[in-house]
N, C-alpha and C. Protein backbone atom coordinates (compact mmCIF):
# COMPACT_ATOMS: atom_id res chain seq x y z
N MET A 1 -17.27 -4.16 13.36
CA MET A 1 -16.21 -3.60 13.74
C MET A 1 -14.85 -3.37 12.81
N SER A 2 -13.74 -2.64 12.74
CA SER A 2 -12.85 -2.46 11.65
C SER A 2 -11.91 -2.75 13.32
N TYR A 3 -10.31 -3.09 12.62
CA TYR A 3 -9.21 -2.80 13.34
C TYR A 3 -7.93 -2.16 12.93
N TRP A 4 -7.46 -1.56 13.78
CA TRP A 4 -6.14 -0.49 13.09
C TRP A 4 -4.57 -1.14 13.80
N TYR A 5 -3.89 -0.59 12.80
CA TYR A 5 -2.67 -1.35 13.21
C TYR A 5 -1.34 0.02 13.53
N ASN A 6 -1.09 0.64 14.41
CA ASN A 6 -0.54 1.35 15.24
C ASN A 6 0.59 1.40 14.95
N VAL A 7 1.10 2.08 14.00
CA VAL A 7 2.56 2.06 13.71
C VAL A 7 3.75 2.43 14.63
N THR A 8 2.94 3.27 16.09
CA THR A 8 4.41 4.21 16.82
C THR A 8 3.85 2.98 18.08
N SER A 9 2.99 2.09 18.29
CA SER A 9 3.23 1.14 19.27
C SER A 9 3.08 0.01 19.22
N GLY A 10 2.93 -0.42 17.80
CA GLY A 10 2.71 -2.31 17.48
C GLY A 10 1.97 -2.29 17.99
N GLN A 11 0.94 -2.03 18.68
CA GLN A 11 -0.89 -2.66 19.08
C GLN A 11 -1.31 -2.61 17.93
N VAL A 12 -2.67 -3.65 17.67
CA VAL A 12 -3.90 -3.42 17.49
C VAL A 12 -4.60 -2.47 18.04
N GLU A 13 -5.75 -2.00 17.76
CA GLU A 13 -6.53 -0.90 18.22
C GLU A 13 -7.65 -1.48 16.93
N ASP A 14 -9.20 -1.18 17.92
CA ASP A 14 -10.48 -1.29 17.62
C ASP A 14 -10.79 0.47 17.13
N ASP A 15 -12.07 0.07 16.57
CA ASP A 15 -12.66 1.30 16.76
C ASP A 15 -12.88 2.55 17.98
N ALA A 16 -12.79 1.86 19.01
CA ALA A 16 -13.08 2.57 20.03
C ALA A 16 -11.71 2.73 20.68
N SER A 17 -10.71 2.17 20.52
CA SER A 17 -9.56 2.68 21.17
C SER A 17 -8.47 3.39 20.28
N ARG A 18 -8.56 3.33 19.00
CA ARG A 18 -8.15 3.60 17.50
C ARG A 18 -7.31 5.14 18.06
N SER A 19 -6.04 5.34 17.55
CA SER A 19 -5.62 6.43 18.25
C SER A 19 -5.91 7.36 16.93
N GLN A 20 -5.55 8.51 16.68
CA GLN A 20 -5.52 9.74 15.53
C GLN A 20 -5.12 9.43 14.39
N GLY A 21 -4.85 10.27 13.41
CA GLY A 21 -3.53 10.45 12.45
C GLY A 21 -2.98 9.74 11.53
N ALA A 22 -1.55 9.68 11.73
CA ALA A 22 -0.42 8.62 10.43
C ALA A 22 -0.28 7.57 11.17
N GLN A 23 -0.64 7.43 12.65
CA GLN A 23 0.28 6.91 13.60
C GLN A 23 -0.60 5.39 13.14
N VAL A 24 -1.70 5.20 12.30
CA VAL A 24 -2.73 3.86 12.08
C VAL A 24 -2.16 3.57 10.86
N MET A 25 -2.72 2.48 10.63
CA MET A 25 -3.05 2.06 9.34
C MET A 25 -4.52 0.63 9.54
N GLY A 26 -4.79 0.64 8.35
CA GLY A 26 -6.06 -0.05 8.50
C GLY A 26 -6.91 1.05 7.57
N PRO A 27 -8.45 0.74 7.79
CA PRO A 27 -9.27 -0.03 8.76
C PRO A 27 -8.88 -1.59 8.14
N TYR A 28 -9.17 -2.49 8.98
CA TYR A 28 -8.77 -4.27 8.75
C TYR A 28 -10.12 -4.69 8.66
N GLU A 29 -10.39 -6.26 8.74
CA GLU A 29 -11.84 -6.28 8.86
C GLU A 29 -11.68 -7.07 10.51
N THR A 30 -10.13 -7.75 10.62
CA THR A 30 -10.16 -8.70 11.69
C THR A 30 -8.41 -7.94 12.23
N ARG A 31 -8.81 -8.48 13.77
CA ARG A 31 -7.53 -8.32 14.62
C ARG A 31 -6.65 -9.18 14.05
N ALA A 32 -6.53 -10.24 13.66
CA ALA A 32 -5.32 -11.03 12.90
C ALA A 32 -4.81 -9.96 11.38
N GLU A 33 -5.56 -9.49 10.71
CA GLU A 33 -5.06 -8.52 9.46
C GLU A 33 -4.53 -7.65 10.11
N ALA A 34 -5.31 -7.09 10.89
CA ALA A 34 -4.55 -5.52 11.99
C ALA A 34 -2.60 -5.85 12.50
N ALA A 35 -2.80 -6.82 12.30
CA ALA A 35 -1.71 -7.62 13.33
C ALA A 35 -0.53 -7.38 12.62
N LYS A 36 -0.37 -8.01 11.20
CA LYS A 36 0.25 -8.90 9.68
C LYS A 36 0.43 -7.14 8.91
N ALA A 37 0.08 -5.54 9.19
CA ALA A 37 -0.57 -4.74 8.66
C ALA A 37 1.06 -4.27 7.94
N LEU A 38 2.24 -4.66 8.48
CA LEU A 38 3.31 -4.24 8.04
C LEU A 38 4.42 -5.19 7.13
N TYR A 39 3.71 -6.27 7.66
CA TYR A 39 3.80 -7.52 6.52
C TYR A 39 3.47 -7.58 5.06
N THR A 40 1.91 -6.76 5.12
CA THR A 40 1.27 -7.07 4.67
C THR A 40 1.24 -5.42 3.31
N ALA A 41 1.99 -4.75 4.39
CA ALA A 41 2.45 -3.55 3.53
C ALA A 41 3.63 -3.56 2.51
N ARG A 42 4.87 -4.58 3.14
CA ARG A 42 6.30 -4.86 2.41
C ARG A 42 5.74 -5.65 1.06
N GLU A 43 4.81 -6.49 1.45
CA GLU A 43 4.51 -7.46 0.25
C GLU A 43 3.77 -6.91 -0.81
N ARG A 44 4.00 -5.64 -0.99
CA ARG A 44 2.81 -4.57 -1.62
C ARG A 44 3.59 -4.02 -2.22
N THR A 45 4.34 -3.70 -1.53
CA THR A 45 5.58 -2.53 -2.06
C THR A 45 6.47 -3.25 -2.49
N ALA A 46 6.42 -3.97 -2.07
CA ALA A 46 7.31 -5.16 -3.49
C ALA A 46 7.36 -5.34 -4.67
N LYS A 47 5.63 -5.91 -4.64
CA LYS A 47 5.18 -6.29 -6.09
C LYS A 47 4.94 -5.24 -6.68
N TRP A 48 4.54 -3.90 -6.76
CA TRP A 48 4.36 -2.82 -6.82
C TRP A 48 5.97 -2.43 -7.68
N ASP A 49 6.77 -2.53 -6.89
CA ASP A 49 8.26 -2.07 -7.05
C ASP A 49 8.84 -2.84 -8.50
N ASP A 50 8.24 -4.48 -8.41
CA ASP A 50 8.42 -5.42 -9.18
C ASP A 50 7.62 -4.84 -10.54
N GLU A 51 6.75 -4.34 -10.43
CA GLU A 51 5.34 -4.14 -11.41
C GLU A 51 6.45 -3.05 -11.99
N ASP A 52 6.47 -1.77 -11.61
CA ASP A 52 7.00 -0.67 -12.01
C ASP A 52 8.34 -1.17 -12.98
N ARG A 53 9.58 -1.73 -12.10
CA ARG A 53 10.31 -2.00 -12.93
C ARG A 53 10.40 -3.07 -13.92
N GLU A 54 9.07 -3.75 -14.55
CA GLU A 54 9.00 -4.51 -15.81
C GLU A 54 8.36 -3.25 -16.25
N TRP A 55 7.52 -2.57 -16.48
CA TRP A 55 6.75 -1.37 -17.07
C TRP A 55 7.98 -0.50 -17.73
N GLY A 56 9.25 -0.07 -16.39
CA GLY A 56 10.23 0.62 -17.36
C GLY A 56 11.25 -0.29 -18.23
N ALA A 57 11.12 -1.31 -17.92
CA ALA A 57 12.16 -2.21 -19.02
C ALA A 57 11.19 -2.39 -20.28
N LYS A 58 10.06 -1.99 -20.40
CA LYS A 58 9.64 -1.87 -21.25
C LYS A 58 9.47 -0.70 -22.42
N GLY A 59 9.54 -0.28 -21.56
CA GLY A 59 9.47 1.43 -22.27
C GLY A 59 8.76 2.23 -22.03
N SER A 60 8.60 3.83 -22.19
CA SER A 60 7.66 4.28 -21.96
C SER A 60 6.84 4.94 -23.51
N SER A 61 7.36 4.19 -24.38
CA SER A 61 6.36 4.46 -25.84
C SER A 61 5.11 3.94 -26.11
N ARG A 62 4.36 3.95 -26.65
CA ARG A 62 2.59 3.88 -26.83
C ARG A 62 2.56 2.89 -28.06
N ALA A 63 1.54 2.04 -27.79
CA ALA A 63 2.07 0.90 -28.85
C ALA A 63 1.54 1.48 -30.34
N ASP A 64 1.50 2.92 -30.23
CA ASP A 64 0.58 3.56 -31.45
C ASP A 64 2.02 4.30 -31.96
N GLY A 65 3.24 4.22 -30.98
CA GLY A 65 4.10 4.77 -31.88
C GLY A 65 4.17 6.12 -31.51
N HIS A 66 3.78 7.13 -30.71
CA HIS A 66 3.81 8.36 -30.28
C HIS A 66 4.20 8.12 -28.92
N ASP A 67 5.36 8.72 -28.61
CA ASP A 67 5.50 9.18 -27.13
C ASP A 67 4.28 9.56 -25.97
N GLN A 68 4.45 9.10 -25.10
CA GLN A 68 3.64 9.00 -23.85
C GLN A 68 3.53 11.33 -23.49
N ASP A 69 4.60 11.41 -23.35
CA ASP A 69 4.71 12.29 -22.63
C ASP A 69 4.89 13.40 -23.98
N ARG A 70 4.72 13.82 -25.00
CA ARG A 70 4.63 14.28 -25.68
C ARG A 70 3.04 14.57 -26.29
N GLU A 71 2.98 15.68 -26.34
CA GLU A 71 1.39 16.15 -27.32
C GLU A 71 1.38 16.24 -28.79
N ASP A 72 0.88 15.33 -29.31
CA ASP A 72 0.65 15.43 -30.59
C ASP A 72 -0.50 15.77 -31.58
């Protein structure tokens, strides 16, 4: 069975009671994982934002000296 987090109601739902559309996050393997869906999403977003900043700080040039945005 899969579990889903409903962002509108704040409730965990299972496959049988799952709401439709963009108001649910999941699937999750356990009710506990679904319950912390927003926390997990925030943590992942923060990690990806950090990775984006690190990538941006390195510049967008490739190691071979050619600009990634240009076709040579």
